[in-house]
């Protein structure tokens, strides 16, 4: 199975088995990282599942939608590797993906 490493806001890391077909947001929440609020439940209508993706994986992700881009613009902590974790579909091609939960706005 493919693995996902999650880095919390406090720097703690946890590597978990990802599930194909799940979003990275669902995997993070299932791993017990409650600091990732994901208030809209994955509908791409808030930015509370904001993560910073390891640079080695940014090119492997599908392109960002205009809605995701607009939502990330509302964050003071947006950077070049920012994504909404609800918009990242996890699968074997992302084995080893490492994401850091972005600071809360």
C-alpha atoms as a PDB file:
ATOM      1  CA  UNK A   1       0.000   0.000   0.000  1.00  0.00           C
ATOM      2  CA  UNK A   2       1.054   3.579  -0.614  1.00  0.00           C
ATOM      3  CA  UNK A   3       2.200   5.671   2.330  1.00  0.00           C
ATOM      4  CA  UNK A   4       1.451   9.271   3.262  1.00  0.00           C
ATOM      5  CA  UNK A   5       3.487  11.245   5.792  1.00  0.00           C
ATOM      6  CA  UNK A   6       1.599  13.953   7.657  1.00  0.00           C
ATOM      7  CA  UNK A   7       3.385  16.714   9.552  1.00  0.00           C
ATOM      8  CA  UNK A   8       1.281  18.498  12.152  1.00  0.00           C
ATOM      9  CA  UNK A   9       1.498  22.156  13.042  1.00  0.00           C
ATOM     10  CA  UNK A  10       3.673  21.256  16.035  1.00  0.00           C
ATOM     11  CA  UNK A  11       6.147  19.410  13.796  1.00  0.00           C
ATOM     12  CA  UNK A  12       5.060  15.929  14.833  1.00  0.00           C
ATOM     13  CA  UNK A  13       5.115  13.413  11.970  1.00  0.00           C
ATOM     14  CA  UNK A  14       3.033  10.353  11.330  1.00  0.00           C
ATOM     15  CA  UNK A  15       3.310   8.001   8.366  1.00  0.00           C
ATOM     16  CA  UNK A  16       0.116   6.145   7.509  1.00  0.00           C
ATOM     17  CA  UNK A  17      -1.092   3.757   4.851  1.00  0.00           C
ATOM     18  CA  UNK A  18      -3.096   5.763   2.326  1.00  0.00           C
ATOM     19  CA  UNK A  19      -6.247   4.479   0.718  1.00  0.00           C
ATOM     20  CA  UNK A  20      -6.640   4.729  -3.029  1.00  0.00           C
ATOM     21  CA  UNK A  21      -9.715   6.700  -3.974  1.00  0.00           C
ATOM     22  CA  UNK A  22      -9.683   8.732  -0.771  1.00  0.00           C
ATOM     23  CA  UNK A  23      -8.696  12.360  -0.664  1.00  0.00           C
ATOM     24  CA  UNK A  24      -5.612  13.326   1.316  1.00  0.00           C
ATOM     25  CA  UNK A  25      -7.992  15.232   3.614  1.00  0.00           C
ATOM     26  CA  UNK A  26      -9.909  12.031   4.432  1.00  0.00           C
ATOM     27  CA  UNK A  27      -6.682  10.170   5.143  1.00  0.00           C
ATOM     28  CA  UNK A  28      -5.379  12.943   7.415  1.00  0.00           C
ATOM     29  CA  UNK A  29      -8.642  13.113   9.364  1.00  0.00           C
ATOM     30  CA  UNK A  30      -8.723   9.317   9.645  1.00  0.00           C
ATOM     31  CA  UNK A  31      -5.192   9.403  11.052  1.00  0.00           C
ATOM     32  CA  UNK A  32      -6.368  11.554  13.965  1.00  0.00           C
ATOM     33  CA  UNK A  33      -5.042  14.972  12.950  1.00  0.00           C
ATOM     34  CA  UNK A  34      -7.962  16.968  14.340  1.00  0.00           C
ATOM     35  CA  UNK A  35      -6.179  20.267  13.678  1.00  0.00           C
ATOM     36  CA  UNK A  36      -7.177  19.866  10.021  1.00  0.00           C
ATOM     37  CA  UNK A  37     -10.739  21.144  10.379  1.00  0.00           C
ATOM     38  CA  UNK A  38     -12.063  20.481   6.850  1.00  0.00           C
ATOM     39  CA  UNK A  39     -15.271  22.285   7.748  1.00  0.00           C
ATOM     40  CA  UNK A  40     -16.918  21.870   4.342  1.00  0.00           C
ATOM     41  CA  UNK A  41     -16.269  18.117   4.340  1.00  0.00           C
ATOM     42  CA  UNK A  42     -14.335  18.163   1.098  1.00  0.00           C
ATOM     43  CA  UNK A  43     -16.610  20.278  -1.094  1.00  0.00           C
ATOM     44  CA  UNK A  44     -13.912  22.842  -1.968  1.00  0.00           C
ATOM     45  CA  UNK A  45     -15.861  25.651  -0.343  1.00  0.00           C
ATOM     46  CA  UNK A  46     -13.534  26.630   2.511  1.00  0.00           C
ATOM     47  CA  UNK A  47      -9.771  26.525   3.035  1.00  0.00           C
ATOM     48  CA  UNK A  48      -9.627  24.729   6.382  1.00  0.00           C
ATOM     49  CA  UNK A  49      -7.870  21.681   4.898  1.00  0.00           C
ATOM     50  CA  UNK A  50      -4.921  23.725   3.606  1.00  0.00           C
ATOM     51  CA  UNK A  51      -1.626  21.819   3.431  1.00  0.00           C
ATOM     52  CA  UNK A  52       1.869  22.420   2.086  1.00  0.00           C
ATOM     53  CA  UNK A  53       2.888  19.607  -0.261  1.00  0.00           C
ATOM     54  CA  UNK A  54       6.469  18.362  -0.436  1.00  0.00           C
ATOM     55  CA  UNK A  55       8.048  19.955  -3.514  1.00  0.00           C
ATOM     56  CA  UNK A  56       8.997  16.560  -4.971  1.00  0.00           C
ATOM     57  CA  UNK A  57       5.298  15.764  -5.423  1.00  0.00           C
ATOM     58  CA  UNK A  58       3.789  19.012  -6.703  1.00  0.00           C
ATOM     59  CA  UNK A  59       4.241  18.013 -10.351  1.00  0.00           C
ATOM     60  CA  UNK A  60       2.489  14.679  -9.695  1.00  0.00           C
ATOM     61  CA  UNK A  61      -0.740  16.362  -8.599  1.00  0.00           C
ATOM     62  CA  UNK A  62      -3.540  17.221 -10.969  1.00  0.00           C
ATOM     63  CA  UNK A  63      -3.712  20.937 -11.756  1.00  0.00           C
ATOM     64  CA  UNK A  64      -5.410  23.249  -9.278  1.00  0.00           C
ATOM     65  CA  UNK A  65      -8.934  24.372 -10.155  1.00  0.00           C
ATOM     66  CA  UNK A  66      -9.891  28.048 -10.224  1.00  0.00           C
ATOM     67  CA  UNK A  67     -12.071  27.515  -7.123  1.00  0.00           C
ATOM     68  CA  UNK A  68      -9.192  25.973  -5.160  1.00  0.00           C
ATOM     69  CA  UNK A  69      -6.891  28.799  -6.268  1.00  0.00           C
ATOM     70  CA  UNK A  70      -9.413  31.435  -5.133  1.00  0.00           C
ATOM     71  CA  UNK A  71      -9.861  29.775  -1.738  1.00  0.00           C
ATOM     72  CA  UNK A  72      -6.118  29.534  -1.149  1.00  0.00           C
ATOM     73  CA  UNK A  73      -5.812  33.253  -1.928  1.00  0.00           C
ATOM     74  CA  UNK A  74      -7.714  33.873   1.322  1.00  0.00           C
ATOM     75  CA  UNK A  75      -4.888  32.331   3.377  1.00  0.00           C
ATOM     76  CA  UNK A  76      -2.066  34.365   4.855  1.00  0.00           C
ATOM     77  CA  UNK A  77       0.024  31.172   4.800  1.00  0.00           C
ATOM     78  CA  UNK A  78      -0.255  30.325   1.112  1.00  0.00           C
ATOM     79  CA  UNK A  79       3.024  29.403  -0.554  1.00  0.00           C
ATOM     80  CA  UNK A  80       4.135  27.826  -3.834  1.00  0.00           C
ATOM     81  CA  UNK A  81       3.270  24.310  -2.609  1.00  0.00           C
ATOM     82  CA  UNK A  82      -0.109  25.121  -1.033  1.00  0.00           C
ATOM     83  CA  UNK A  83      -3.049  22.887  -1.868  1.00  0.00           C
ATOM     84  CA  UNK A  84      -6.392  22.005  -0.357  1.00  0.00           C
ATOM     85  CA  UNK A  85      -6.040  18.423   0.830  1.00  0.00           C
ATOM     86  CA  UNK A  86      -9.655  17.684  -0.153  1.00  0.00           C
ATOM     87  CA  UNK A  87      -8.637  18.254  -3.767  1.00  0.00           C
ATOM     88  CA  UNK A  88      -5.751  15.765  -3.786  1.00  0.00           C
ATOM     89  CA  UNK A  89      -6.883  12.286  -4.787  1.00  0.00           C
ATOM     90  CA  UNK A  90      -4.567   9.725  -3.226  1.00  0.00           C
ATOM     91  CA  UNK A  91      -3.310   6.705  -5.133  1.00  0.00           C
ATOM     92  CA  UNK A  92      -0.209   4.554  -5.679  1.00  0.00           C
ATOM     93  CA  UNK A  93       1.427   7.264  -7.804  1.00  0.00           C
ATOM     94  CA  UNK A  94       1.623   9.419  -4.659  1.00  0.00           C
ATOM     95  CA  UNK A  95       3.380   6.784  -2.529  1.00  0.00           C
ATOM     96  CA  UNK A  96       5.686   8.621  -0.122  1.00  0.00           C
ATOM     97  CA  UNK A  97       3.793  11.925  -0.340  1.00  0.00           C
ATOM     98  CA  UNK A  98       4.594  14.245   2.567  1.00  0.00           C
ATOM     99  CA  UNK A  99       2.264  17.104   3.516  1.00  0.00           C
ATOM    100  CA  UNK A 100       2.395  19.651   6.311  1.00  0.00           C
ATOM    101  CA  UNK A 101      -0.795  21.033   7.827  1.00  0.00           C
ATOM    102  CA  UNK A 102      -0.715  24.779   7.165  1.00  0.00           C
ATOM    103  CA  UNK A 103      -1.037  27.231  10.058  1.00  0.00           C
ATOM    104  CA  UNK A 104      -4.581  28.273  10.855  1.00  0.00           C
ATOM    105  CA  UNK A 105      -5.685  31.682   9.573  1.00  0.00           C
END
